[in-house]
Amino acid sequence: MRPEEGRMVTGETKAEIEDDVEIVYEGTKIQKSFGVSDIIQFSLMMGGNIASGVIATWLYNQLKDREVALEIEGEEVEVDEESIQTKLDEFRE
């Protein structure tokens, strides 16, 4: 399946957020248990010069109206700009 067909392809479906920042679809884990949500994984690649606030704002805007949980490096993060930015700053250190 190809991105041009409206489907996400592992490792190939990408979005450039800003110069030197890219998010890549890494796959979906389908949960077969009742009441358990599927897990969609993305990798975020960012260069050294981009402000984490830009990325936090972009992520927040993508997620704010959805019923989702966000994990960064295995730790659940509240879906608000400040919490996302704080975790991204910790991750960059």
N, C-alpha and C. Protein backbone atom coordinates (compact mmCIF):
# COMPACT_ATOMS: atom_id res chain seq x y z
N MET A 1 0.84 -1.18 0.00
CA MET A 1 0.00 0.00 0.00
C MET A 1 0.88 1.24 0.00
N ARG A 2 0.51 2.20 -0.73
CA ARG A 2 1.31 3.40 -0.93
C ARG A 2 0.63 4.61 -0.30
N PRO A 3 1.42 5.59 0.16
CA PRO A 3 0.84 6.82 0.73
C PRO A 3 -0.10 7.54 -0.24
N GLU A 4 0.21 7.48 -1.54
CA GLU A 4 -0.63 8.17 -2.51
C GLU A 4 -2.02 7.53 -2.63
N GLU A 5 -2.18 6.31 -2.10
CA GLU A 5 -3.48 5.64 -2.08
C GLU A 5 -4.26 5.98 -0.81
N GLY A 6 -3.75 6.90 -0.01
CA GLY A 6 -4.44 7.31 1.21
C GLY A 6 -4.19 6.40 2.39
N ARG A 7 -3.15 5.59 2.32
CA ARG A 7 -2.82 4.68 3.41
C ARG A 7 -1.42 4.99 3.91
N MET A 8 -1.22 4.73 5.20
CA MET A 8 0.11 4.96 5.76
C MET A 8 0.96 3.71 5.58
N VAL A 9 2.20 3.90 5.18
CA VAL A 9 3.13 2.81 4.96
C VAL A 9 4.28 2.95 5.96
N THR A 10 4.54 1.87 6.70
CA THR A 10 5.59 1.88 7.72
C THR A 10 6.91 2.35 7.13
N GLY A 11 7.50 3.34 7.77
CA GLY A 11 8.79 3.88 7.36
C GLY A 11 8.77 4.78 6.15
N GLU A 12 7.65 4.82 5.43
CA GLU A 12 7.58 5.63 4.22
C GLU A 12 6.65 6.83 4.34
N THR A 13 5.67 6.74 5.23
CA THR A 13 4.73 7.85 5.39
C THR A 13 5.36 8.84 6.36
N LYS A 14 5.65 10.03 5.84
CA LYS A 14 6.37 11.04 6.62
C LYS A 14 5.70 12.39 6.47
N ALA A 15 5.91 13.22 7.47
CA ALA A 15 5.45 14.61 7.39
C ALA A 15 6.58 15.49 7.91
N GLU A 16 6.87 16.53 7.17
CA GLU A 16 7.87 17.50 7.63
C GLU A 16 7.13 18.58 8.40
N ILE A 17 7.49 18.72 9.68
CA ILE A 17 6.84 19.68 10.55
C ILE A 17 7.44 21.06 10.34
N GLU A 18 8.73 21.11 10.34
CA GLU A 18 9.53 22.32 10.11
C GLU A 18 10.81 21.87 9.44
N ASP A 19 11.64 22.80 9.03
CA ASP A 19 12.96 22.42 8.53
C ASP A 19 13.67 21.64 9.63
N ASP A 20 14.24 20.53 9.30
CA ASP A 20 15.03 19.72 10.22
C ASP A 20 14.18 18.96 11.25
N VAL A 21 12.85 18.85 11.01
CA VAL A 21 11.97 18.09 11.90
C VAL A 21 11.02 17.26 11.04
N GLU A 22 11.01 15.95 11.31
CA GLU A 22 10.19 15.04 10.53
C GLU A 22 9.55 14.01 11.45
N ILE A 23 8.31 13.64 11.16
CA ILE A 23 7.63 12.58 11.89
C ILE A 23 7.36 11.46 10.90
N VAL A 24 7.65 10.22 11.33
CA VAL A 24 7.55 9.06 10.45
C VAL A 24 6.65 8.01 11.09
N TYR A 25 5.70 7.50 10.32
CA TYR A 25 4.82 6.43 10.78
C TYR A 25 5.63 5.14 10.89
N GLU A 26 5.58 4.50 12.07
CA GLU A 26 6.35 3.28 12.30
C GLU A 26 5.48 2.03 12.41
N GLY A 27 4.18 2.18 12.39
CA GLY A 27 3.31 1.00 12.41
C GLY A 27 2.18 1.11 13.42
N THR A 28 1.28 0.15 13.34
CA THR A 28 0.13 0.09 14.23
C THR A 28 0.08 -1.28 14.88
N LYS A 29 -0.12 -1.30 16.18
CA LYS A 29 -0.32 -2.55 16.91
C LYS A 29 -1.82 -2.67 17.15
N ILE A 30 -2.42 -3.66 16.54
CA ILE A 30 -3.86 -3.88 16.68
C ILE A 30 -4.09 -4.67 17.97
N GLN A 31 -4.92 -4.12 18.83
CA GLN A 31 -5.25 -4.77 20.10
C GLN A 31 -6.56 -5.54 19.91
N LYS A 32 -6.54 -6.83 20.21
CA LYS A 32 -7.73 -7.65 20.01
C LYS A 32 -8.59 -7.76 21.26
N SER A 33 -8.14 -7.24 22.36
CA SER A 33 -8.91 -7.29 23.60
C SER A 33 -10.00 -6.23 23.58
N PHE A 34 -11.15 -6.56 24.17
CA PHE A 34 -12.26 -5.62 24.24
C PHE A 34 -11.89 -4.43 25.11
N GLY A 35 -12.14 -3.23 24.62
CA GLY A 35 -11.91 -2.03 25.40
C GLY A 35 -10.48 -1.53 25.40
N VAL A 36 -9.61 -2.18 24.64
CA VAL A 36 -8.21 -1.76 24.57
C VAL A 36 -7.98 -1.12 23.20
N SER A 37 -7.44 0.07 23.21
CA SER A 37 -7.23 0.81 21.96
C SER A 37 -6.01 0.31 21.21
N ASP A 38 -6.04 0.49 19.90
CA ASP A 38 -4.88 0.20 19.07
C ASP A 38 -3.77 1.20 19.38
N ILE A 39 -2.55 0.84 19.08
CA ILE A 39 -1.40 1.71 19.33
C ILE A 39 -0.77 2.07 17.99
N ILE A 40 -0.68 3.35 17.73
CA ILE A 40 -0.04 3.84 16.51
C ILE A 40 1.28 4.45 16.93
N GLN A 41 2.37 3.99 16.29
CA GLN A 41 3.70 4.46 16.66
C GLN A 41 4.29 5.35 15.57
N PHE A 42 4.92 6.44 16.04
CA PHE A 42 5.61 7.36 15.16
C PHE A 42 6.98 7.63 15.73
N SER A 43 7.92 7.95 14.86
CA SER A 43 9.24 8.42 15.29
C SER A 43 9.33 9.89 14.94
N LEU A 44 9.85 10.66 15.86
CA LEU A 44 10.04 12.08 15.65
C LEU A 44 11.53 12.33 15.55
N MET A 45 11.96 12.89 14.45
CA MET A 45 13.36 13.21 14.25
C MET A 45 13.51 14.72 14.17
N MET A 46 14.34 15.26 15.06
CA MET A 46 14.49 16.71 15.08
C MET A 46 15.96 17.08 15.16
N GLY A 47 16.31 18.11 14.41
CA GLY A 47 17.67 18.63 14.43
C GLY A 47 17.92 19.44 15.68
N GLY A 48 19.16 19.79 15.88
CA GLY A 48 19.55 20.48 17.09
C GLY A 48 19.09 21.92 17.21
N ASN A 49 18.71 22.53 16.12
CA ASN A 49 18.40 23.96 16.16
C ASN A 49 16.92 24.29 16.28
N ILE A 50 16.06 23.30 16.23
CA ILE A 50 14.63 23.57 16.27
C ILE A 50 14.15 23.70 17.72
N ALA A 51 13.29 24.64 17.97
CA ALA A 51 12.75 24.85 19.32
C ALA A 51 11.71 23.78 19.63
N SER A 52 11.79 23.20 20.81
CA SER A 52 10.83 22.15 21.19
C SER A 52 9.41 22.71 21.25
N GLY A 53 9.26 24.01 21.48
CA GLY A 53 7.94 24.62 21.52
C GLY A 53 7.21 24.52 20.19
N VAL A 54 7.95 24.61 19.09
CA VAL A 54 7.36 24.48 17.75
C VAL A 54 6.80 23.07 17.58
N ILE A 55 7.58 22.09 17.99
CA ILE A 55 7.16 20.70 17.87
C ILE A 55 6.00 20.42 18.81
N ALA A 56 6.08 20.91 20.05
CA ALA A 56 5.00 20.70 21.02
C ALA A 56 3.69 21.28 20.52
N THR A 57 3.74 22.47 19.95
CA THR A 57 2.53 23.10 19.41
C THR A 57 1.96 22.28 18.28
N TRP A 58 2.82 21.81 17.37
CA TRP A 58 2.36 21.02 16.24
C TRP A 58 1.71 19.72 16.73
N LEU A 59 2.38 18.99 17.64
CA LEU A 59 1.82 17.75 18.18
C LEU A 59 0.49 18.00 18.88
N TYR A 60 0.45 19.01 19.72
CA TYR A 60 -0.78 19.35 20.44
C TYR A 60 -1.93 19.61 19.47
N ASN A 61 -1.68 20.39 18.44
CA ASN A 61 -2.72 20.72 17.46
C ASN A 61 -3.22 19.48 16.73
N GLN A 62 -2.35 18.49 16.53
CA GLN A 62 -2.75 17.25 15.87
C GLN A 62 -3.60 16.36 16.78
N LEU A 63 -3.37 16.43 18.09
CA LEU A 63 -3.97 15.50 19.03
C LEU A 63 -5.11 16.07 19.87
N LYS A 64 -5.22 17.38 19.99
CA LYS A 64 -6.09 18.01 20.99
C LYS A 64 -7.55 17.62 20.90
N ASP A 65 -8.08 17.35 19.75
CA ASP A 65 -9.50 17.03 19.61
C ASP A 65 -9.76 15.54 19.45
N ARG A 66 -8.76 14.74 19.82
CA ARG A 66 -8.89 13.28 19.67
C ARG A 66 -8.81 12.62 21.03
N GLU A 67 -9.40 11.47 21.12
CA GLU A 67 -9.33 10.69 22.35
C GLU A 67 -8.08 9.81 22.26
N VAL A 68 -6.96 10.34 22.75
CA VAL A 68 -5.68 9.64 22.62
C VAL A 68 -4.88 9.73 23.91
N ALA A 69 -3.90 8.85 24.00
CA ALA A 69 -2.88 8.93 25.04
C ALA A 69 -1.57 9.13 24.30
N LEU A 70 -0.69 9.92 24.87
CA LEU A 70 0.60 10.22 24.25
C LEU A 70 1.71 9.70 25.15
N GLU A 71 2.63 8.94 24.54
CA GLU A 71 3.82 8.49 25.26
C GLU A 71 5.05 9.00 24.53
N ILE A 72 5.99 9.51 25.30
CA ILE A 72 7.28 9.92 24.76
C ILE A 72 8.33 9.16 25.55
N GLU A 73 9.11 8.36 24.84
CA GLU A 73 10.13 7.51 25.47
C GLU A 73 9.53 6.63 26.56
N GLY A 74 8.33 6.07 26.30
CA GLY A 74 7.70 5.14 27.21
C GLY A 74 6.98 5.75 28.40
N GLU A 75 6.99 7.06 28.49
CA GLU A 75 6.33 7.75 29.61
C GLU A 75 5.10 8.49 29.10
N GLU A 76 3.95 8.26 29.75
CA GLU A 76 2.73 8.94 29.33
C GLU A 76 2.84 10.43 29.63
N VAL A 77 2.40 11.23 28.68
CA VAL A 77 2.48 12.69 28.76
C VAL A 77 1.09 13.25 28.54
N GLU A 78 0.68 14.21 29.35
CA GLU A 78 -0.60 14.88 29.16
C GLU A 78 -0.61 15.56 27.79
N VAL A 79 -1.77 15.56 27.15
CA VAL A 79 -1.88 16.19 25.84
C VAL A 79 -2.19 17.67 26.04
N ASP A 80 -1.16 18.42 26.42
CA ASP A 80 -1.20 19.88 26.46
C ASP A 80 0.18 20.37 26.07
N GLU A 81 0.24 21.56 25.51
CA GLU A 81 1.50 22.06 24.95
C GLU A 81 2.64 22.08 25.97
N GLU A 82 2.36 22.54 27.18
CA GLU A 82 3.41 22.67 28.19
C GLU A 82 3.99 21.31 28.57
N SER A 83 3.13 20.32 28.79
CA SER A 83 3.61 18.99 29.17
C SER A 83 4.42 18.35 28.05
N ILE A 84 3.96 18.50 26.82
CA ILE A 84 4.68 17.96 25.68
C ILE A 84 6.04 18.63 25.54
N GLN A 85 6.06 19.95 25.64
CA GLN A 85 7.33 20.68 25.52
C GLN A 85 8.30 20.29 26.63
N THR A 86 7.81 20.16 27.85
CA THR A 86 8.67 19.79 28.97
C THR A 86 9.30 18.42 28.72
N LYS A 87 8.51 17.45 28.25
CA LYS A 87 9.06 16.11 27.99
C LYS A 87 10.05 16.13 26.83
N LEU A 88 9.75 16.89 25.79
CA LEU A 88 10.70 17.00 24.67
C LEU A 88 12.00 17.64 25.11
N ASP A 89 11.92 18.64 25.97
CA ASP A 89 13.14 19.28 26.50
C ASP A 89 13.96 18.28 27.31
N GLU A 90 13.29 17.47 28.15
CA GLU A 90 14.00 16.45 28.92
C GLU A 90 14.67 15.44 27.99
N PHE A 91 13.97 15.04 26.96
CA PHE A 91 14.49 14.06 26.03
C PHE A 91 15.73 14.58 25.28
N ARG A 92 15.76 15.85 24.99
CA ARG A 92 16.89 16.43 24.24
C ARG A 92 18.14 16.60 25.07
N GLU A 93 18.00 16.60 26.41
CA GLU A 93 19.15 16.84 27.28
C GLU A 93 20.09 15.66 27.30
